[in-house]
Amino acid sequence: LWMQAAGMDNVLQLDGGILGYFEQVG
């Protein structure tokens, strides 16, 4: 959100973070 507000429109967040990534795909 901060990067978007600073003018970067090419930013996504990893949904659920690292723990969510581990849980879903290893």
PDB file of all heavy atoms in Angstrom:
ATOM      1  N   LEU A   1       0.823  -1.200   0.000  1.00  0.00           N
ATOM      2  CA  LEU A   1       0.000   0.000   0.000  1.00  0.00           C
ATOM      3  C   LEU A   1       0.862   1.258   0.000  1.00  0.00           C
ATOM      4  O   LEU A   1       0.548   2.243  -0.680  1.00  0.00           O
ATOM      5  CB  LEU A   1      -0.933  -0.003   1.219  1.00  0.00           C
ATOM      6  CG  LEU A   1      -2.097  -0.995   1.156  1.00  0.00           C
ATOM      7  CD1 LEU A   1      -2.770  -1.097   2.516  1.00  0.00           C
ATOM      8  CD2 LEU A   1      -3.103  -0.588   0.098  1.00  0.00           C
ATOM      9  N   TRP A   2       1.943   1.245   0.775  1.00  0.00           N
ATOM     10  CA  TRP A   2       2.839   2.405   0.789  1.00  0.00           C
ATOM     11  C   TRP A   2       3.472   2.619  -0.590  1.00  0.00           C
ATOM     12  O   TRP A   2       3.548   3.745  -1.085  1.00  0.00           O
ATOM     13  CB  TRP A   2       3.933   2.226   1.838  1.00  0.00           C
ATOM     14  CG  TRP A   2       4.985   3.280   1.700  1.00  0.00           C
ATOM     15  CD1 TRP A   2       4.892   4.586   2.101  1.00  0.00           C
ATOM     16  CD2 TRP A   2       6.244   3.146   1.040  1.00  0.00           C
ATOM     17  NE1 TRP A   2       6.042   5.272   1.745  1.00  0.00           N
ATOM     18  CE2 TRP A   2       6.884   4.416   1.102  1.00  0.00           C
ATOM     19  CE3 TRP A   2       6.906   2.085   0.429  1.00  0.00           C
ATOM     20  CZ2 TRP A   2       8.143   4.634   0.560  1.00  0.00           C
ATOM     21  CZ3 TRP A   2       8.158   2.297  -0.113  1.00  0.00           C
ATOM     22  CH2 TRP A   2       8.770   3.565  -0.048  1.00  0.00           C
ATOM     23  N   MET A   3       3.926   1.540  -1.215  1.00  0.00           N
ATOM     24  CA  MET A   3       4.554   1.670  -2.527  1.00  0.00           C
ATOM     25  C   MET A   3       3.557   2.188  -3.566  1.00  0.00           C
ATOM     26  O   MET A   3       3.907   3.007  -4.427  1.00  0.00           O
ATOM     27  CB  MET A   3       5.175   0.343  -2.953  1.00  0.00           C
ATOM     28  CG  MET A   3       6.449   0.019  -2.186  1.00  0.00           C
ATOM     29  SD  MET A   3       7.312  -1.463  -2.776  1.00  0.00           S
ATOM     30  CE  MET A   3       6.321  -2.738  -2.000  1.00  0.00           C
ATOM     31  N   GLN A   4       2.324   1.725  -3.489  1.00  0.00           N
ATOM     32  CA  GLN A   4       1.292   2.255  -4.383  1.00  0.00           C
ATOM     33  C   GLN A   4       1.092   3.755  -4.162  1.00  0.00           C
ATOM     34  O   GLN A   4       1.021   4.534  -5.120  1.00  0.00           O
ATOM     35  CB  GLN A   4      -0.027   1.522  -4.151  1.00  0.00           C
ATOM     36  CG  GLN A   4      -0.097   0.140  -4.768  1.00  0.00           C
ATOM     37  CD  GLN A   4      -1.492  -0.434  -4.649  1.00  0.00           C
ATOM     38  OE1 GLN A   4      -2.157  -0.296  -3.620  1.00  0.00           O
ATOM     39  NE2 GLN A   4      -1.952  -1.087  -5.696  1.00  0.00           N
ATOM     40  N   ALA A   5       1.004   4.157  -2.898  1.00  0.00           N
ATOM     41  CA  ALA A   5       0.811   5.569  -2.580  1.00  0.00           C
ATOM     42  C   ALA A   5       2.005   6.408  -3.033  1.00  0.00           C
ATOM     43  O   ALA A   5       1.866   7.599  -3.315  1.00  0.00           O
ATOM     44  CB  ALA A   5       0.586   5.742  -1.078  1.00  0.00           C
ATOM     45  N   ALA A   6       3.182   5.755  -3.113  1.00  0.00           N
ATOM     46  CA  ALA A   6       4.397   6.446  -3.537  1.00  0.00           C
ATOM     47  C   ALA A   6       4.560   6.444  -5.054  1.00  0.00           C
ATOM     48  O   ALA A   6       5.593   6.874  -5.574  1.00  0.00           O
ATOM     49  CB  ALA A   6       5.611   5.808  -2.881  1.00  0.00           C
ATOM     50  N   GLY A   7       3.556   5.928  -5.771  1.00  0.00           N
ATOM     51  CA  GLY A   7       3.572   5.999  -7.223  1.00  0.00           C
ATOM     52  C   GLY A   7       3.978   4.740  -7.954  1.00  0.00           C
ATOM     53  O   GLY A   7       4.104   4.746  -9.179  1.00  0.00           O
ATOM     54  N   MET A   8       4.151   3.631  -7.230  1.00  0.00           N
ATOM     55  CA  MET A   8       4.502   2.365  -7.870  1.00  0.00           C
ATOM     56  C   MET A   8       3.220   1.571  -8.123  1.00  0.00           C
ATOM     57  O   MET A   8       2.556   1.148  -7.176  1.00  0.00           O
ATOM     58  CB  MET A   8       5.473   1.564  -6.995  1.00  0.00           C
ATOM     59  CG  MET A   8       6.800   2.262  -6.770  1.00  0.00           C
ATOM     60  SD  MET A   8       7.916   1.348  -5.652  1.00  0.00           S
ATOM     61  CE  MET A   8       8.234  -0.134  -6.638  1.00  0.00           C
ATOM     62  N   ASP A   9       2.882   1.378  -9.395  1.00  0.00           N
ATOM     63  CA  ASP A   9       1.636   0.680  -9.725  1.00  0.00           C
ATOM     64  C   ASP A   9       1.878  -0.758 -10.154  1.00  0.00           C
ATOM     65  O   ASP A   9       0.981  -1.411 -10.705  1.00  0.00           O
ATOM     66  CB  ASP A   9       0.877   1.431 -10.818  1.00  0.00           C
ATOM     67  CG  ASP A   9       1.686   1.571 -12.102  1.00  0.00           C
ATOM     68  OD1 ASP A   9       2.828   1.053 -12.146  1.00  0.00           O
ATOM     69  OD2 ASP A   9       1.190   2.203 -13.045  1.00  0.00           O
ATOM     70  N   ASN A  10       3.077  -1.270  -9.891  1.00  0.00           N
ATOM     71  CA  ASN A  10       3.447  -2.623 -10.321  1.00  0.00           C
ATOM     72  C   ASN A  10       3.701  -3.544  -9.145  1.00  0.00           C
ATOM     73  O   ASN A  10       4.501  -4.459  -9.219  1.00  0.00           O
ATOM     74  CB  ASN A  10       4.704  -2.567 -11.202  1.00  0.00           C
ATOM     75  CG  ASN A  10       5.885  -1.897 -10.484  1.00  0.00           C
ATOM     76  OD1 ASN A  10       5.684  -1.057  -9.614  1.00  0.00           O
ATOM     77  ND2 ASN A  10       7.094  -2.261 -10.861  1.00  0.00           N
ATOM     78  N   VAL A  11       2.988  -3.294  -8.033  1.00  0.00           N
ATOM     79  CA  VAL A  11       3.258  -4.007  -6.788  1.00  0.00           C
ATOM     80  C   VAL A  11       2.073  -4.866  -6.375  1.00  0.00           C
ATOM     81  O   VAL A  11       0.921  -4.419  -6.409  1.00  0.00           O
ATOM     82  CB  VAL A  11       3.585  -3.018  -5.651  1.00  0.00           C
ATOM     83  CG1 VAL A  11       3.873  -3.777  -4.359  1.00  0.00           C
ATOM     84  CG2 VAL A  11       4.769  -2.154  -6.031  1.00  0.00           C
ATOM     85  N   LEU A  12       2.373  -6.102  -5.986  1.00  0.00           N
ATOM     86  CA  LEU A  12       1.398  -7.023  -5.412  1.00  0.00           C
ATOM     87  C   LEU A  12       1.915  -7.478  -4.056  1.00  0.00           C
ATOM     88  O   LEU A  12       3.102  -7.375  -3.758  1.00  0.00           O
ATOM     89  CB  LEU A  12       1.218  -8.255  -6.305  1.00  0.00           C
ATOM     90  CG  LEU A  12       0.834  -8.033  -7.768  1.00  0.00           C
ATOM     91  CD1 LEU A  12       0.916  -9.342  -8.530  1.00  0.00           C
ATOM     92  CD2 LEU A  12      -0.574  -7.453  -7.862  1.00  0.00           C
ATOM     93  N   GLN A  13       1.033  -8.022  -3.236  1.00  0.00           N
ATOM     94  CA  GLN A  13       1.440  -8.659  -1.992  1.00  0.00           C
ATOM     95  C   GLN A  13       1.217 -10.160  -2.123  1.00  0.00           C
ATOM     96  O   GLN A  13       0.302 -10.609  -2.828  1.00  0.00           O
ATOM     97  CB  GLN A  13       0.631  -8.128  -0.818  1.00  0.00           C
ATOM     98  CG  GLN A  13      -0.874  -8.374  -0.983  1.00  0.00           C
ATOM     99  CD  GLN A  13      -1.665  -8.139   0.272  1.00  0.00           C
ATOM    100  OE1 GLN A  13      -1.260  -8.524   1.355  1.00  0.00           O
ATOM    101  NE2 GLN A  13      -2.826  -7.504   0.122  1.00  0.00           N
ATOM    102  N   LEU A  14       2.062 -10.946  -1.451  1.00  0.00           N
ATOM    103  CA  LEU A  14       1.856 -12.389  -1.406  1.00  0.00           C
ATOM    104  C   LEU A  14       0.750 -12.683  -0.407  1.00  0.00           C
ATOM    105  O   LEU A  14       0.910 -12.453   0.794  1.00  0.00           O
ATOM    106  CB  LEU A  14       3.144 -13.103  -1.008  1.00  0.00           C
ATOM    107  CG  LEU A  14       3.025 -14.619  -0.793  1.00  0.00           C
ATOM    108  CD1 LEU A  14       2.479 -15.318  -2.024  1.00  0.00           C
ATOM    109  CD2 LEU A  14       4.370 -15.204  -0.385  1.00  0.00           C
ATOM    110  N   ASP A  15      -0.356 -13.173  -0.871  1.00  0.00           N
ATOM    111  CA  ASP A  15      -1.504 -13.431  -0.012  1.00  0.00           C
ATOM    112  C   ASP A  15      -1.158 -14.484   1.040  1.00  0.00           C
ATOM    113  O   ASP A  15      -0.769 -15.598   0.705  1.00  0.00           O
ATOM    114  CB  ASP A  15      -2.695 -13.910  -0.855  1.00  0.00           C
ATOM    115  CG  ASP A  15      -4.006 -13.799  -0.118  1.00  0.00           C
ATOM    116  OD1 ASP A  15      -4.101 -13.004   0.831  1.00  0.00           O
ATOM    117  OD2 ASP A  15      -4.958 -14.507  -0.491  1.00  0.00           O
ATOM    118  N   GLY A  16      -1.253 -14.103   2.315  1.00  0.00           N
ATOM    119  CA  GLY A  16      -0.970 -15.028   3.395  1.00  0.00           C
ATOM    120  C   GLY A  16       0.487 -15.128   3.793  1.00  0.00           C
ATOM    121  O   GLY A  16       0.830 -15.869   4.716  1.00  0.00           O
ATOM    122  N   GLY A  17       1.356 -14.378   3.117  1.00  0.00           N
ATOM    123  CA  GLY A  17       2.758 -14.371   3.480  1.00  0.00           C
ATOM    124  C   GLY A  17       3.460 -15.706   3.280  1.00  0.00           C
ATOM    125  O   GLY A  17       2.957 -16.617   2.613  1.00  0.00           O
ATOM    126  N   ILE A  18       4.638 -15.830   3.881  1.00  0.00           N
ATOM    127  CA  ILE A  18       5.437 -17.051   3.743  1.00  0.00           C
ATOM    128  C   ILE A  18       4.710 -18.249   4.336  1.00  0.00           C
ATOM    129  O   ILE A  18       4.697 -19.338   3.747  1.00  0.00           O
ATOM    130  CB  ILE A  18       6.807 -16.878   4.429  1.00  0.00           C
ATOM    131  CG1 ILE A  18       7.592 -15.738   3.789  1.00  0.00           C
ATOM    132  CG2 ILE A  18       7.614 -18.170   4.359  1.00  0.00           C
ATOM    133  CD1 ILE A  18       8.807 -15.314   4.602  1.00  0.00           C
ATOM    134  N   LEU A  19       4.093 -18.067   5.496  1.00  0.00           N
ATOM    135  CA  LEU A  19       3.413 -19.200   6.133  1.00  0.00           C
ATOM    136  C   LEU A  19       2.262 -19.700   5.274  1.00  0.00           C
ATOM    137  O   LEU A  19       2.030 -20.906   5.172  1.00  0.00           O
ATOM    138  CB  LEU A  19       2.924 -18.809   7.528  1.00  0.00           C
ATOM    139  CG  LEU A  19       4.015 -18.458   8.542  1.00  0.00           C
ATOM    140  CD1 LEU A  19       3.392 -18.145   9.899  1.00  0.00           C
ATOM    141  CD2 LEU A  19       5.035 -19.582   8.677  1.00  0.00           C
ATOM    142  N   GLY A  20       1.544 -18.788   4.647  1.00  0.00           N
ATOM    143  CA  GLY A  20       0.479 -19.203   3.739  1.00  0.00           C
ATOM    144  C   GLY A  20       1.026 -19.913   2.519  1.00  0.00           C
ATOM    145  O   GLY A  20       0.427 -20.875   2.019  1.00  0.00           O
ATOM    146  N   TYR A  21       2.178 -19.455   2.043  1.00  0.00           N
ATOM    147  CA  TYR A  21       2.839 -20.098   0.899  1.00  0.00           C
ATOM    148  C   TYR A  21       3.262 -21.516   1.276  1.00  0.00           C
ATOM    149  O   TYR A  21       3.005 -22.477   0.530  1.00  0.00           O
ATOM    150  CB  TYR A  21       4.041 -19.257   0.489  1.00  0.00           C
ATOM    151  CG  TYR A  21       4.717 -19.698  -0.796  1.00  0.00           C
ATOM    152  CD1 TYR A  21       4.282 -19.205  -2.024  1.00  0.00           C
ATOM    153  CD2 TYR A  21       5.794 -20.580  -0.790  1.00  0.00           C
ATOM    154  CE1 TYR A  21       4.899 -19.582  -3.211  1.00  0.00           C
ATOM    155  CE2 TYR A  21       6.415 -20.966  -1.974  1.00  0.00           C
ATOM    156  CZ  TYR A  21       5.968 -20.463  -3.179  1.00  0.00           C
ATOM    157  OH  TYR A  21       6.576 -20.849  -4.348  1.00  0.00           O
ATOM    158  N   PHE A  22       3.902 -21.673   2.428  1.00  0.00           N
ATOM    159  CA  PHE A  22       4.302 -23.008   2.890  1.00  0.00           C
ATOM    160  C   PHE A  22       3.085 -23.923   2.996  1.00  0.00           C
ATOM    161  O   PHE A  22       3.121 -25.087   2.595  1.00  0.00           O
ATOM    162  CB  PHE A  22       4.969 -22.910   4.261  1.00  0.00           C
ATOM    163  CG  PHE A  22       6.395 -22.413   4.246  1.00  0.00           C
ATOM    164  CD1 PHE A  22       7.071 -22.217   5.442  1.00  0.00           C
ATOM    165  CD2 PHE A  22       7.057 -22.146   3.068  1.00  0.00           C
ATOM    166  CE1 PHE A  22       8.383 -21.770   5.464  1.00  0.00           C
ATOM    167  CE2 PHE A  22       8.372 -21.686   3.059  1.00  0.00           C
ATOM    168  CZ  PHE A  22       9.034 -21.497   4.266  1.00  0.00           C
ATOM    169  N   GLU A  23       2.018 -23.404   3.574  1.00  0.00           N
ATOM    170  CA  GLU A  23       0.811 -24.195   3.826  1.00  0.00           C
ATOM    171  C   GLU A  23       0.186 -24.675   2.521  1.00  0.00           C
ATOM    172  O   GLU A  23      -0.298 -25.805   2.433  1.00  0.00           O
ATOM    173  CB  GLU A  23      -0.178 -23.349   4.621  1.00  0.00           C
ATOM    174  CG  GLU A  23      -1.381 -24.105   5.159  1.00  0.00           C
ATOM    175  CD  GLU A  23      -2.242 -23.227   6.049  1.00  0.00           C
ATOM    176  OE1 GLU A  23      -2.621 -22.114   5.623  1.00  0.00           O
ATOM    177  OE2 GLU A  23      -2.529 -23.647   7.176  1.00  0.00           O
ATOM    178  N   GLN A  24       0.212 -23.831   1.483  1.00  0.00           N
ATOM    179  CA  GLN A  24      -0.509 -24.160   0.256  1.00  0.00           C
ATOM    180  C   GLN A  24       0.347 -24.842  -0.809  1.00  0.00           C
ATOM    181  O   GLN A  24      -0.153 -25.703  -1.530  1.00  0.00           O
ATOM    182  CB  GLN A  24      -1.139 -22.894  -0.323  1.00  0.00           C
ATOM    183  CG  GLN A  24      -2.227 -22.299   0.563  1.00  0.00           C
ATOM    184  CD  GLN A  24      -2.928 -21.131  -0.085  1.00  0.00           C
ATOM    185  OE1 GLN A  24      -3.186 -21.118  -1.284  1.00  0.00           O
ATOM    186  NE2 GLN A  24      -3.262 -20.125   0.707  1.00  0.00           N
ATOM    187  N   VAL A  25       1.616 -24.454  -0.921  1.00  0.00           N
ATOM    188  CA  VAL A  25       2.428 -25.013  -2.010  1.00  0.00           C
ATOM    189  C   VAL A  25       3.767 -25.569  -1.555  1.00  0.00           C
ATOM    190  O   VAL A  25       4.521 -26.110  -2.365  1.00  0.00           O
ATOM    191  CB  VAL A  25       2.661 -23.981  -3.139  1.00  0.00           C
ATOM    192  CG1 VAL A  25       1.350 -23.492  -3.707  1.00  0.00           C
ATOM    193  CG2 VAL A  25       3.482 -22.792  -2.641  1.00  0.00           C
ATOM    194  N   GLY A  26       4.116 -25.428  -0.269  1.00  0.00           N
ATOM    195  CA  GLY A  26       5.403 -25.941   0.190  1.00  0.00           C
ATOM    196  C   GLY A  26       6.518 -24.928  -0.006  1.00  0.00           C
ATOM    197  O   GLY A  26       6.295 -23.723   0.036  1.00  0.00           O
TER     198      GLY A  26
END
